[in-house]
Amino acid sequence: MNIAVFLGGLSTERDISIKSGISIFKALMELNHNPILVDPALGKEGILVSIDEVDKLPKYEDLDKEKYTPQKYLETIIQPAFDTIDFAFIALHGKYGEDGTIQTLLEFKGIPYSGSNPKASAIGMDKNLSKILFSATGVPTPRWTIIHSSEAGNFELCEELRNEFGKRMVIKPNDQGSTVGTTIISDGNLDEIHNGLLVAGKFSDVIIVEEYIEGKEITVGIVGNEALPVIEIVPQSGFYDFEHKYTKGKTEYICPAELPDDVTEFVQELALLAFRVVGCKGFARVDFRLNEDFQPFVLEINTIPGFTDTSLVPKAAKAIGIEFPELCQRIIDIAIK
């Protein structure tokens, strides 16, 4: 098949997306497909026919944000190169890639693609909307409230939040991934709460403030209608932030997680329920906190999780004998059924 692997993009997760896309490209080559790399942030300049060209893709911090705008996505999709594309494998993380934007453009073009449709993608990207759906359908999720970024400078609000959530809480942007802009408040310090709101407000108009669940961090990957083995995430120190996610040796991953069988089964069932509630298709990853009584709480769902050969979903798949190229092929097969 002629496959366009979408990578890069304009979101803060651009650099991770490039790594995911390269891994997928190499797997597709191994599977004897005919892939090209497509960075929609660059328009027609971002269509690469060789892996050797990937070095010319700028990192997020070097990207000219005035030159490269969302309009480049449309410029990309109308290029003649797409007239012969059979399938799009989306490795874009975050805004414009995981929120339904590129999925909508591909539907207009009539090109089948990996993962969820525009509606489910948009819901999955919107943490507040996801949590509303979870609460309405019996999926446990931590208590939360939302604040508009225009209120982030209101110091009086910090005391109200401490009264509502106690000394420990999580502050994060509503529509970012990779824990970008996330702050864990551990002692109820009002200055820290204030700063956390300001940081989150830089990345989103809507800020989520959520109760902190003491216990373990776990995640469940889903491929098709199958929940993969549970992974426990154990950061070397602090919490599972951007640095711990993407710096080798900063985090230990236990797969399968060492949990009682009934807890494992229940968590996997909840992951599948969250997947269905949002309306996902193909693959996703559901992140949880597990309290000291082994009660799980769904934090969020990732409709396009990291996809290098050492990322969490591929790691869980490998634990049951599914190697990375086979995983990529399964996702393609699910999408084109």
Protein backbone atom coordinates (compact mmCIF):
# COMPACT_ATOMS: atom_id res chain seq x y z
CA MET A 1 0.00 0.00 0.00
CA ASN A 2 1.01 3.61 -0.57
CA ILE A 3 0.89 5.03 2.94
CA ALA A 4 1.35 8.62 4.12
CA VAL A 5 2.77 8.74 7.66
CA PHE A 6 1.76 12.04 9.23
CA LEU A 7 4.27 13.34 11.77
CA GLY A 8 5.51 16.60 13.28
CA GLY A 9 2.73 19.18 13.15
CA LEU A 10 2.31 22.43 15.05
CA SER A 11 1.61 21.22 18.58
CA THR A 12 3.95 21.34 21.56
CA GLU A 13 4.36 17.57 21.10
CA ARG A 14 5.90 18.00 17.65
CA ASP A 15 9.30 16.50 18.52
CA ILE A 16 7.74 13.36 20.03
CA SER A 17 5.47 13.03 16.99
CA ILE A 18 8.48 13.03 14.67
CA LYS A 19 9.98 10.13 16.64
CA SER A 20 6.68 8.22 16.46
CA GLY A 21 6.40 8.82 12.72
CA ILE A 22 9.93 7.64 11.99
CA SER A 23 9.32 4.42 13.94
CA ILE A 24 6.10 3.76 12.04
CA PHE A 25 7.77 4.54 8.69
CA LYS A 26 10.52 2.00 9.37
CA ALA A 27 7.97 -0.64 10.40
CA LEU A 28 5.95 -0.07 7.23
CA MET A 29 9.09 -0.46 5.13
CA GLU A 30 9.74 -3.75 6.90
CA LEU A 31 6.17 -4.80 6.03
CA ASN A 32 6.86 -4.05 2.33
CA HIS A 33 4.50 -1.09 2.14
CA ASN A 34 5.45 2.05 0.24
CA PRO A 35 5.39 4.85 2.83
CA ILE A 36 6.15 8.55 2.59
CA LEU A 37 6.58 10.99 5.48
CA VAL A 38 4.28 14.00 5.69
CA ASP A 39 4.75 16.95 8.05
CA PRO A 40 1.56 18.97 7.49
CA ALA A 41 2.94 21.96 9.40
CA LEU A 42 5.28 22.63 6.48
CA GLY A 43 2.76 22.37 3.67
CA LYS A 44 4.13 21.02 0.39
CA GLU A 45 7.67 21.34 1.78
CA GLY A 46 6.79 18.68 4.38
CA ILE A 47 6.21 15.79 1.95
CA LEU A 48 9.29 13.58 2.22
CA VAL A 49 9.79 10.47 0.14
CA SER A 50 12.90 9.28 1.97
CA ILE A 51 13.78 8.75 5.63
CA ASP A 52 17.09 10.45 4.83
CA GLU A 53 15.24 13.77 4.48
CA VAL A 54 13.83 13.72 8.01
CA ASP A 55 16.81 15.59 9.44
CA LYS A 56 15.62 18.73 7.68
CA LEU A 57 12.43 18.84 9.77
CA PRO A 58 12.78 21.65 12.35
CA LYS A 59 12.23 20.95 16.03
CA TYR A 60 9.32 22.67 17.77
CA GLU A 61 11.52 25.36 19.31
CA ASP A 62 13.00 26.17 15.87
CA LEU A 63 9.70 26.19 13.98
CA ASP A 64 8.76 29.56 12.46
CA LYS A 65 5.27 29.93 13.99
CA GLU A 66 4.42 32.92 11.77
CA LYS A 67 5.32 31.14 8.53
CA TYR A 68 3.92 27.74 9.42
CA THR A 69 0.23 27.99 10.39
CA PRO A 70 -2.77 25.61 10.46
CA GLN A 71 -3.54 26.64 6.87
CA LYS A 72 -0.49 24.60 5.84
CA TYR A 73 -2.44 21.44 6.72
CA LEU A 74 -4.92 22.19 3.94
CA GLU A 75 -2.10 23.09 1.56
CA THR A 76 -0.54 19.70 2.32
CA ILE A 77 -3.60 17.57 1.77
CA ILE A 78 -4.36 19.03 -1.68
CA GLN A 79 -0.92 18.24 -3.11
CA PRO A 80 -0.82 15.84 -6.11
CA ALA A 81 1.20 13.35 -4.03
CA PHE A 82 -2.04 12.42 -2.23
CA ASP A 83 -3.77 11.32 -5.43
CA THR A 84 -2.01 7.95 -5.17
CA ILE A 85 -2.13 7.52 -1.37
CA ASP A 86 -4.12 4.49 -0.19
CA PHE A 87 -3.94 5.09 3.55
CA ALA A 88 -2.82 7.66 6.13
CA PHE A 89 -1.12 6.55 9.34
CA ILE A 90 -1.46 9.46 11.77
CA ALA A 91 1.38 9.89 14.26
CA LEU A 92 0.51 13.52 15.08
CA HIS A 93 0.12 14.24 18.79
CA GLY A 94 -1.76 17.17 20.29
CA LYS A 95 -3.47 20.10 18.61
CA TYR A 96 -4.43 19.81 14.91
CA GLY A 97 -3.45 16.14 14.85
CA GLU A 98 -5.18 14.46 17.77
CA ASP A 99 -8.19 16.80 17.96
CA GLY A 100 -9.99 15.84 14.74
CA THR A 101 -8.44 18.45 12.43
CA ILE A 102 -6.33 16.19 10.21
CA GLN A 103 -8.98 13.45 10.40
CA THR A 104 -11.57 15.85 8.96
CA LEU A 105 -9.26 16.87 6.10
CA LEU A 106 -8.55 13.22 5.29
CA GLU A 107 -12.28 12.46 5.21
CA PHE A 108 -12.84 15.32 2.77
CA LYS A 109 -10.04 13.87 0.64
CA GLY A 110 -11.51 10.36 0.90
CA ILE A 111 -8.36 8.78 2.33
CA PRO A 112 -8.83 6.12 5.05
CA TYR A 113 -6.72 6.72 8.15
CA SER A 114 -5.64 5.13 11.41
CA GLY A 115 -7.43 5.67 14.69
CA SER A 116 -10.56 7.52 15.72
CA ASN A 117 -12.91 9.70 13.70
CA PRO A 118 -13.03 13.53 14.04
CA LYS A 119 -15.74 13.53 16.72
CA ALA A 120 -14.08 10.98 19.00
CA SER A 121 -10.70 12.64 18.47
CA ALA A 122 -12.09 16.02 19.52
CA ILE A 123 -13.74 14.54 22.61
CA GLY A 124 -10.58 12.67 23.61
CA MET A 125 -8.52 15.86 23.30
CA ASP A 126 -10.95 17.80 25.51
CA LYS A 127 -10.26 16.55 29.03
CA ASN A 128 -13.28 18.32 30.51
CA LEU A 129 -15.72 16.91 27.96
CA SER A 130 -14.21 13.43 28.34
CA LYS A 131 -14.63 13.59 32.11
CA ILE A 132 -18.25 14.72 31.74
CA LEU A 133 -18.92 11.66 29.58
CA PHE A 134 -17.04 9.39 31.98
CA SER A 135 -19.06 10.65 34.95
CA ALA A 136 -22.33 10.24 33.07
CA THR A 137 -21.59 6.63 32.11
CA GLY A 138 -20.19 5.22 35.34
CA VAL A 139 -16.48 5.55 34.54
CA PRO A 140 -14.82 6.78 37.76
CA THR A 141 -12.72 9.92 37.31
CA PRO A 142 -11.21 12.29 39.89
CA ARG A 143 -13.32 15.25 41.03
CA TRP A 144 -12.54 18.35 39.01
CA THR A 145 -13.50 21.87 38.14
CA ILE A 146 -12.66 24.11 35.20
CA ILE A 147 -11.32 27.65 35.20
CA HIS A 148 -10.96 29.99 32.24
CA SER A 149 -7.43 31.18 31.65
CA SER A 150 -8.62 34.78 32.06
CA GLU A 151 -9.20 33.97 35.75
CA ALA A 152 -5.74 32.43 36.27
CA GLY A 153 -4.37 35.63 37.81
CA ASN A 154 -7.12 35.80 40.44
CA PHE A 155 -5.29 35.00 43.68
CA GLU A 156 -8.51 34.72 45.71
CA LEU A 157 -9.44 31.76 43.54
CA CYS A 158 -6.42 29.85 44.87
CA GLU A 159 -7.82 29.72 48.38
CA GLU A 160 -11.20 28.55 47.05
CA LEU A 161 -9.44 25.72 45.21
CA ARG A 162 -7.51 24.71 48.32
CA ASN A 163 -10.77 24.63 50.30
CA GLU A 164 -12.37 22.43 47.64
CA PHE A 165 -9.51 20.01 46.89
CA GLY A 166 -7.32 20.14 50.00
CA LYS A 167 -3.58 20.51 49.95
CA ARG A 168 -2.98 18.16 47.01
CA MET A 169 -4.34 18.82 43.54
CA VAL A 170 -3.43 18.63 39.86
CA ILE A 171 -3.55 21.69 37.61
CA LYS A 172 -3.32 21.15 33.85
CA PRO A 173 -4.37 22.57 30.49
CA ASN A 174 -7.60 21.14 29.12
CA ASP A 175 -6.22 20.15 25.73
CA GLN A 176 -2.52 19.35 25.97
CA GLY A 177 -0.69 16.02 26.13
CA SER A 178 2.63 14.74 27.48
CA THR A 179 1.86 16.55 30.79
CA VAL A 180 2.80 19.85 29.10
CA GLY A 181 1.80 22.71 31.44
CA THR A 182 0.88 20.36 34.31
CA THR A 183 1.62 21.15 37.97
CA ILE A 184 1.16 18.87 40.98
CA ILE A 185 0.41 20.82 44.17
CA SER A 186 1.56 18.84 47.19
CA ASP A 187 1.23 21.16 50.20
CA GLY A 188 -1.54 23.62 49.41
CA ASN A 189 0.86 26.53 48.95
CA LEU A 190 -1.22 29.38 47.53
CA ASP A 191 1.67 30.81 45.52
CA GLU A 192 2.25 27.41 43.90
CA ILE A 193 -1.44 27.09 43.06
CA HIS A 194 -1.38 30.58 41.57
CA ASN A 195 1.70 29.77 39.51
CA GLY A 196 0.20 26.46 38.39
CA LEU A 197 -2.87 28.26 37.05
CA LEU A 198 -0.72 30.79 35.20
CA VAL A 199 1.42 28.03 33.64
CA ALA A 200 -1.60 25.98 32.51
CA GLY A 201 -3.25 29.12 31.17
CA LYS A 202 -0.36 29.65 28.77
CA PHE A 203 -1.30 26.45 26.95
CA SER A 204 -5.09 26.46 26.97
CA ASP A 205 -8.07 28.76 27.42
CA VAL A 206 -9.55 26.19 29.79
CA ILE A 207 -7.72 24.94 32.89
CA ILE A 208 -8.54 21.68 34.68
CA VAL A 209 -8.09 21.55 38.46
CA GLU A 210 -8.45 18.00 39.71
CA GLU A 211 -8.21 16.13 42.97
CA TYR A 212 -4.94 14.27 43.41
CA ILE A 213 -5.38 10.52 43.88
CA GLU A 214 -2.74 9.00 46.14
CA GLY A 215 -1.47 5.66 44.86
CA LYS A 216 -0.15 4.13 41.65
CA GLU A 217 -0.09 5.44 38.10
CA ILE A 218 -1.13 2.83 35.55
CA THR A 219 -2.09 2.80 31.90
CA VAL A 220 -3.93 0.44 29.55
CA GLY A 221 -3.44 0.33 25.80
CA ILE A 222 -6.27 -0.77 23.53
CA VAL A 223 -5.98 -2.20 20.03
CA GLY A 224 -9.22 -3.03 18.27
CA ASN A 225 -11.52 -4.32 20.98
CA GLU A 226 -8.73 -5.82 23.08
CA ALA A 227 -7.26 -4.32 26.24
CA LEU A 228 -3.51 -4.89 26.43
CA PRO A 229 -1.66 -5.77 29.65
CA VAL A 230 -1.72 -3.10 32.35
CA ILE A 231 1.50 -1.12 32.78
CA GLU A 232 2.51 0.45 36.09
CA ILE A 233 4.50 3.68 35.72
CA VAL A 234 7.06 4.36 38.45
CA PRO A 235 8.95 7.68 38.05
CA GLN A 236 12.43 7.77 39.56
CA SER A 237 11.40 10.91 41.46
CA GLY A 238 8.55 13.40 41.53
CA PHE A 239 5.70 12.77 39.09
CA TYR A 240 5.46 11.42 35.55
CA ASP A 241 6.15 14.71 33.76
CA PHE A 242 7.57 15.42 30.30
CA GLU A 243 11.15 14.81 31.46
CA HIS A 244 10.32 11.46 33.06
CA LYS A 245 8.32 10.36 30.00
CA TYR A 246 11.04 11.03 27.47
CA THR A 247 14.35 10.74 29.31
CA LYS A 248 15.78 7.23 29.32
CA GLY A 249 16.22 5.78 32.81
CA LYS A 250 13.99 8.35 34.53
CA THR A 251 11.03 5.97 34.84
CA GLU A 252 10.51 2.27 35.49
CA TYR A 253 7.71 0.50 33.60
CA ILE A 254 6.31 -2.70 35.08
CA CYS A 255 4.49 -4.76 32.45
CA PRO A 256 2.34 -6.52 33.26
CA ALA A 257 1.64 -4.53 36.42
CA GLU A 258 1.81 -6.57 39.61
CA LEU A 259 -1.84 -6.26 40.63
CA PRO A 260 -4.45 -8.72 41.91
CA ASP A 261 -6.13 -10.52 39.01
CA ASP A 262 -9.54 -9.05 39.76
CA VAL A 263 -8.13 -5.51 39.81
CA THR A 264 -6.34 -6.08 36.50
CA GLU A 265 -9.52 -7.38 34.90
CA PHE A 266 -11.60 -4.49 36.26
CA VAL A 267 -9.12 -1.86 35.06
CA GLN A 268 -9.05 -3.39 31.58
CA GLU A 269 -12.87 -3.42 31.51
CA LEU A 270 -12.94 0.24 32.51
CA ALA A 271 -10.41 1.10 29.81
CA LEU A 272 -12.60 -0.56 27.18
CA LEU A 273 -15.67 1.23 28.55
CA ALA A 274 -13.90 4.61 28.35
CA PHE A 275 -12.80 3.74 24.80
CA ARG A 276 -16.40 3.01 23.79
CA VAL A 277 -17.90 5.99 25.63
CA VAL A 278 -15.66 8.41 23.73
CA GLY A 279 -16.37 6.55 20.49
CA CYS A 280 -12.79 5.60 19.72
CA LYS A 281 -11.69 3.24 16.98
CA GLY A 282 -8.49 1.37 16.22
CA PHE A 283 -6.26 2.06 19.16
CA ALA A 284 -5.86 4.34 22.18
CA ARG A 285 -4.38 4.47 25.66
CA VAL A 286 -6.30 5.08 28.88
CA ASP A 287 -4.43 6.55 31.85
CA PHE A 288 -5.44 5.84 35.44
CA ARG A 289 -4.60 6.51 39.05
CA LEU A 290 -5.12 3.54 41.35
CA ASN A 291 -5.68 4.48 44.99
CA GLU A 292 -4.41 2.58 48.01
CA ASP A 293 -7.60 0.46 48.06
CA PHE A 294 -7.01 -0.51 44.40
CA GLN A 295 -9.88 1.68 43.24
CA PRO A 296 -9.14 2.99 39.71
CA PHE A 297 -9.84 6.50 38.43
CA VAL A 298 -9.60 7.35 34.75
CA LEU A 299 -7.54 10.48 34.16
CA GLU A 300 -7.85 10.75 30.38
CA ILE A 301 -7.82 8.90 27.10
CA ASN A 302 -5.15 9.37 24.43
CA THR A 303 -6.51 8.71 20.95
CA ILE A 304 -3.03 8.89 19.36
CA PRO A 305 -0.58 7.74 22.06
CA GLY A 306 3.18 7.75 21.59
CA PHE A 307 4.20 5.21 18.98
CA THR A 308 7.89 4.59 18.99
CA ASP A 309 8.88 0.95 19.41
CA THR A 310 9.53 1.66 23.13
CA SER A 311 6.33 3.66 23.81
CA LEU A 312 3.73 2.31 26.23
CA VAL A 313 1.20 0.81 23.81
CA PRO A 314 3.90 -1.01 21.78
CA LYS A 315 5.52 -2.09 25.06
CA ALA A 316 2.25 -3.63 26.27
CA ALA A 317 1.65 -5.28 22.89
CA LYS A 318 5.12 -6.79 22.94
CA ALA A 319 4.37 -8.31 26.36
CA ILE A 320 1.79 -10.55 24.66
CA GLY A 321 3.96 -11.33 21.66
CA ILE A 322 2.91 -8.60 19.22
CA GLU A 323 6.01 -7.03 17.70
CA PHE A 324 5.97 -3.42 16.53
CA PRO A 325 5.54 -4.02 12.77
CA GLU A 326 2.67 -6.44 13.42
CA LEU A 327 1.05 -3.86 15.71
CA CYS A 328 1.21 -1.26 12.93
CA GLN A 329 -0.32 -3.71 10.45
CA ARG A 330 -3.15 -4.55 12.87
CA ILE A 331 -4.01 -0.86 13.18
CA ILE A 332 -4.12 -0.55 9.38
CA ASP A 333 -6.30 -3.66 9.06
CA ILE A 334 -8.77 -2.39 11.69
CA ALA A 335 -9.06 0.97 9.92
CA ILE A 336 -9.79 -0.42 6.45
CA LYS A 337 -12.28 -3.12 7.46
